[in-house]
Structures are given as C-alpha cells and as structure tokens.
Amino acid sequence: MKKIISICIFLLAFNSVMAQKEFIGKWLSSSKKGIVETYIQGNKLFGKLIWVKTERKDIYNKDESLRNRELKGLNMFSDFSWEAPQWVGGKIYDPANGSTYSCKMWMSDDKQSLYVRGFIGISLLGRTEKFSKFK
C-alpha cells in the first residue's frame, strides 16, 4: 500500500512539473509587435522580450532614469509562482504605457495559446491578452 501511495505522489509531482514546463518557450504578442521568451529561474517564471517589430527605447517608463534602455532584452514577465494549473503572483510590464501590473497566466487546452491577465488590485479589474506559440 505504501508503494502505491508513493507512486501516486510521484506521478502527481511529475505531472505538475511537466505542466509548468509547457509554459516555457517563445510567445508572439496579440499585437504581433513582440516575442517574449519565457523561462524558469529557481522556482519562478520570467519572460524576456527577445524581438520587437519596431526597435525603440523604453520612453514611456514611469522611472525617467530607465527611459534610455532598449525594449529588446527587457523582462516583461517577472516573479510568477506556480499554482496549478496557472502561474500567479507575478508582474507584467507594459512598454506601451510604462506601467507594471499584477498578473497571472494560464494556457489554452491545445497548449498553443498563453493567456496573460494584467490587473490592478483584483483580477476583475484587468485585461487579458492572448499570446500565440511561436515556432
């Protein structure tokens, strides 16, 4: 009986790790103006902007000292924690207005779309963007 319980616990943990890894990859923004590459560092999920349609500086950043940095290479997603079946408690930076929002993300059933919901305070007060798997 102990062996069966151990196997079940192992399978649940393995399934959770595999589900987390499905989020790793390159994702095209809904506006098709950028590609974000997601990665796990430690036990947190991050996403770096690796391609932008129009090269430019971070001119709308609320912090004037950061307005001279390039958008390409910028971390747009940061500090997400895994709570199956989604990543929660993270932040998303919107270079279009220079604001940072609380955020959570989940995946479509076919694993080809990443839904990213930025919000202020509670999730009801926000907007969801759909990112598409980029190959």
C-alpha atoms as a PDB file:
ATOM      1  CA  MET A   1       0.000   0.000   0.000  1.00  0.00           C
ATOM      2  CA  LYS A   2       2.832   2.433   0.866  1.00  0.00           C
ATOM      3  CA  LYS A   3       4.412   1.726  -2.511  1.00  0.00           C
ATOM      4  CA  ILE A   4       1.177   2.584  -4.341  1.00  0.00           C
ATOM      5  CA  ILE A   5       0.832   5.844  -2.388  1.00  0.00           C
ATOM      6  CA  SER A   6       4.468   6.727  -3.164  1.00  0.00           C
ATOM      7  CA  ILE A   7       3.921   6.054  -6.868  1.00  0.00           C
ATOM      8  CA  CYS A   8       0.778   8.222  -6.876  1.00  0.00           C
ATOM      9  CA  ILE A   9       2.612  11.102  -5.179  1.00  0.00           C
ATOM     10  CA  PHE A  10       5.476  10.781  -7.662  1.00  0.00           C
ATOM     11  CA  LEU A  11       3.090  10.828 -10.638  1.00  0.00           C
ATOM     12  CA  LEU A  12       1.273  13.919  -9.339  1.00  0.00           C
ATOM     13  CA  ALA A  13       4.552  15.767  -8.801  1.00  0.00           C
ATOM     14  CA  PHE A  14       5.855  14.691 -12.219  1.00  0.00           C
ATOM     15  CA  ASN A  15       2.619  15.830 -13.887  1.00  0.00           C
ATOM     16  CA  SER A  16       2.877  19.240 -12.187  1.00  0.00           C
ATOM     17  CA  VAL A  17       6.489  19.714 -13.330  1.00  0.00           C
ATOM     18  CA  MET A  18       5.559  18.782 -16.898  1.00  0.00           C
ATOM     19  CA  ALA A  19       2.627  21.232 -16.837  1.00  0.00           C
ATOM     20  CA  GLN A  20       4.939  24.034 -15.668  1.00  0.00           C
ATOM     21  CA  LYS A  21       7.403  23.321 -18.476  1.00  0.00           C
ATOM     22  CA  GLU A  22       4.667  23.658 -21.112  1.00  0.00           C
ATOM     23  CA  PHE A  23       4.784  27.414 -20.429  1.00  0.00           C
ATOM     24  CA  ILE A  24       8.439  27.601 -21.437  1.00  0.00           C
ATOM     25  CA  GLY A  25       9.079  28.869 -24.952  1.00  0.00           C
ATOM     26  CA  LYS A  26       8.603  31.778 -27.323  1.00  0.00           C
ATOM     27  CA  TRP A  27       5.268  33.590 -27.483  1.00  0.00           C
ATOM     28  CA  LEU A  28       4.078  36.141 -30.071  1.00  0.00           C
ATOM     29  CA  SER A  29       2.060  39.008 -28.599  1.00  0.00           C
ATOM     30  CA  SER A  30      -1.529  39.529 -29.725  1.00  0.00           C
ATOM     31  CA  SER A  31      -0.489  42.761 -31.457  1.00  0.00           C
ATOM     32  CA  LYS A  32       2.282  40.843 -33.272  1.00  0.00           C
ATOM     33  CA  LYS A  33       4.697  43.591 -32.234  1.00  0.00           C
ATOM     34  CA  GLY A  34       6.844  41.472 -29.920  1.00  0.00           C
ATOM     35  CA  ILE A  35       8.028  37.990 -28.968  1.00  0.00           C
ATOM     36  CA  VAL A  36       8.536  37.065 -25.335  1.00  0.00           C
ATOM     37  CA  GLU A  37      10.670  34.086 -24.331  1.00  0.00           C
ATOM     38  CA  THR A  38       9.575  32.545 -21.040  1.00  0.00           C
ATOM     39  CA  TYR A  39      11.926  30.685 -18.714  1.00  0.00           C
ATOM     40  CA  ILE A  40      12.067  29.349 -15.174  1.00  0.00           C
ATOM     41  CA  GLN A  41      14.735  30.613 -12.806  1.00  0.00           C
ATOM     42  CA  GLY A  42      14.737  28.908  -9.424  1.00  0.00           C
ATOM     43  CA  ASN A  43      11.046  28.169  -8.961  1.00  0.00           C
ATOM     44  CA  LYS A  44       9.798  31.394 -10.595  1.00  0.00           C
ATOM     45  CA  LEU A  45       8.698  32.118 -14.160  1.00  0.00           C
ATOM     46  CA  PHE A  46      10.042  35.107 -16.117  1.00  0.00           C
ATOM     47  CA  GLY A  47       9.665  36.368 -19.670  1.00  0.00           C
ATOM     48  CA  LYS A  48      12.100  38.428 -21.694  1.00  0.00           C
ATOM     49  CA  LEU A  49      11.251  40.462 -24.791  1.00  0.00           C
ATOM     50  CA  ILE A  50      13.520  38.941 -27.458  1.00  0.00           C
ATOM     51  CA  TRP A  51      12.095  40.591 -30.588  1.00  0.00           C
ATOM     52  CA  VAL A  52      10.254  43.835 -31.232  1.00  0.00           C
ATOM     53  CA  LYS A  53       8.761  44.921 -34.537  1.00  0.00           C
ATOM     54  CA  THR A  54       9.970  48.475 -34.068  1.00  0.00           C
ATOM     55  CA  GLU A  55      13.236  48.974 -32.202  1.00  0.00           C
ATOM     56  CA  ARG A  56      12.891  51.731 -29.637  1.00  0.00           C
ATOM     57  CA  LYS A  57      13.802  52.810 -26.156  1.00  0.00           C
ATOM     58  CA  ASP A  58      11.589  52.412 -23.077  1.00  0.00           C
ATOM     59  CA  ILE A  59      10.389  56.013 -23.494  1.00  0.00           C
ATOM     60  CA  TYR A  60       7.133  55.670 -21.543  1.00  0.00           C
ATOM     61  CA  ASN A  61       8.671  54.241 -18.371  1.00  0.00           C
ATOM     62  CA  LYS A  62       7.430  55.993 -15.226  1.00  0.00           C
ATOM     63  CA  ASP A  63      11.039  55.996 -13.969  1.00  0.00           C
ATOM     64  CA  GLU A  64      12.810  58.633 -16.077  1.00  0.00           C
ATOM     65  CA  SER A  65      16.217  57.032 -15.412  1.00  0.00           C
ATOM     66  CA  LEU A  66      15.065  53.874 -17.310  1.00  0.00           C
ATOM     67  CA  ARG A  67      13.751  55.620 -20.424  1.00  0.00           C
ATOM     68  CA  ASN A  68      17.031  55.214 -22.304  1.00  0.00           C
ATOM     69  CA  ARG A  69      17.095  51.396 -22.172  1.00  0.00           C
ATOM     70  CA  GLU A  70      16.180  49.280 -25.194  1.00  0.00           C
ATOM     71  CA  LEU A  71      12.903  47.359 -25.164  1.00  0.00           C
ATOM     72  CA  LYS A  72      14.566  44.294 -26.675  1.00  0.00           C
ATOM     73  CA  GLY A  73      16.025  42.271 -23.808  1.00  0.00           C
ATOM     74  CA  LEU A  74      13.641  43.730 -21.242  1.00  0.00           C
ATOM     75  CA  ASN A  75      11.941  41.398 -18.739  1.00  0.00           C
ATOM     76  CA  MET A  76       8.212  41.830 -19.310  1.00  0.00           C
ATOM     77  CA  PHE A  77       7.107  38.973 -17.020  1.00  0.00           C
ATOM     78  CA  SER A  78       8.626  38.542 -13.567  1.00  0.00           C
ATOM     79  CA  ASP A  79       8.327  36.548 -10.346  1.00  0.00           C
ATOM     80  CA  PHE A  80       5.428  34.210 -11.174  1.00  0.00           C
ATOM     81  CA  SER A  81       4.742  31.315  -8.795  1.00  0.00           C
ATOM     82  CA  TRP A  82       3.184  28.023  -9.845  1.00  0.00           C
ATOM     83  CA  GLU A  83      -0.331  27.253  -8.552  1.00  0.00           C
ATOM     84  CA  ALA A  84      -1.619  24.518 -10.824  1.00  0.00           C
ATOM     85  CA  PRO A  85      -2.830  24.962 -13.470  1.00  0.00           C
ATOM     86  CA  GLN A  86      -1.508  28.533 -13.770  1.00  0.00           C
ATOM     87  CA  TRP A  87       1.301  30.904 -12.862  1.00  0.00           C
ATOM     88  CA  VAL A  88       0.201  33.603 -10.396  1.00  0.00           C
ATOM     89  CA  GLY A  89       1.502  36.437  -8.248  1.00  0.00           C
ATOM     90  CA  GLY A  90       3.737  37.834 -10.961  1.00  0.00           C
ATOM     91  CA  LYS A  91       4.143  41.217 -12.586  1.00  0.00           C
ATOM     92  CA  ILE A  92       3.844  42.301 -16.203  1.00  0.00           C
ATOM     93  CA  TYR A  93       5.442  45.425 -17.603  1.00  0.00           C
ATOM     94  CA  ASP A  94       3.576  47.172 -20.424  1.00  0.00           C
ATOM     95  CA  PRO A  95       6.062  49.167 -22.519  1.00  0.00           C
ATOM     96  CA  ALA A  96       3.187  50.896 -24.355  1.00  0.00           C
ATOM     97  CA  ASN A  97       2.405  52.968 -21.257  1.00  0.00           C
ATOM     98  CA  GLY A  98       5.337  52.315 -18.918  1.00  0.00           C
ATOM     99  CA  SER A  99       3.196  50.697 -16.231  1.00  0.00           C
ATOM    100  CA  THR A 100       3.634  47.489 -14.243  1.00  0.00           C
ATOM    101  CA  TYR A 101       0.618  45.395 -13.254  1.00  0.00           C
ATOM    102  CA  SER A 102      -0.120  42.357 -11.127  1.00  0.00           C
ATOM    103  CA  CYS A 103      -0.542  39.368 -13.374  1.00  0.00           C
ATOM    104  CA  LYS A 104      -1.441  35.717 -13.780  1.00  0.00           C
ATOM    105  CA  MET A 105      -1.193  33.428 -16.798  1.00  0.00           C
ATOM    106  CA  TRP A 106      -2.663  30.172 -17.987  1.00  0.00           C
ATOM    107  CA  MET A 107      -2.559  28.083 -21.131  1.00  0.00           C
ATOM    108  CA  SER A 108      -5.204  27.023 -23.639  1.00  0.00           C
ATOM    109  CA  ASP A 109      -6.201  23.367 -23.745  1.00  0.00           C
ATOM    110  CA  ASP A 110      -4.297  22.832 -27.005  1.00  0.00           C
ATOM    111  CA  LYS A 111      -1.120  24.412 -25.486  1.00  0.00           C
ATOM    112  CA  GLN A 112      -0.818  26.851 -28.421  1.00  0.00           C
ATOM    113  CA  SER A 113      -2.008  29.998 -26.624  1.00  0.00           C
ATOM    114  CA  LEU A 114      -0.846  31.696 -23.455  1.00  0.00           C
ATOM    115  CA  TYR A 115      -3.407  33.910 -21.741  1.00  0.00           C
ATOM    116  CA  VAL A 116      -1.882  36.726 -19.715  1.00  0.00           C
ATOM    117  CA  ARG A 117      -4.123  38.791 -17.437  1.00  0.00           C
ATOM    118  CA  GLY A 118      -2.753  42.052 -16.080  1.00  0.00           C
ATOM    119  CA  PHE A 119      -4.715  43.781 -13.373  1.00  0.00           C
ATOM    120  CA  ILE A 120      -4.742  46.367 -10.615  1.00  0.00           C
ATOM    121  CA  GLY A 121      -5.736  45.063  -7.201  1.00  0.00           C
ATOM    122  CA  ILE A 122      -8.059  42.207  -8.104  1.00  0.00           C
ATOM    123  CA  SER A 123      -8.202  40.154 -11.282  1.00  0.00           C
ATOM    124  CA  LEU A 124     -11.667  41.500 -12.157  1.00  0.00           C
ATOM    125  CA  LEU A 125     -10.093  44.901 -12.797  1.00  0.00           C
ATOM    126  CA  GLY A 126      -7.855  43.985 -15.685  1.00  0.00           C
ATOM    127  CA  ARG A 127      -7.328  42.894 -19.253  1.00  0.00           C
ATOM    128  CA  THR A 128      -6.393  39.548 -20.791  1.00  0.00           C
ATOM    129  CA  GLU A 129      -4.034  39.280 -23.762  1.00  0.00           C
ATOM    130  CA  LYS A 130      -3.572  36.150 -25.835  1.00  0.00           C
ATOM    131  CA  PHE A 131      -0.017  35.227 -26.817  1.00  0.00           C
ATOM    132  CA  SER A 132       0.476  32.587 -29.549  1.00  0.00           C
ATOM    133  CA  LYS A 133       3.113  29.845 -29.528  1.00  0.00           C
ATOM    134  CA  PHE A 134       5.980  30.968 -31.788  1.00  0.00           C
ATOM    135  CA  LYS A 135       7.997  28.270 -33.523  1.00  0.00           C
END
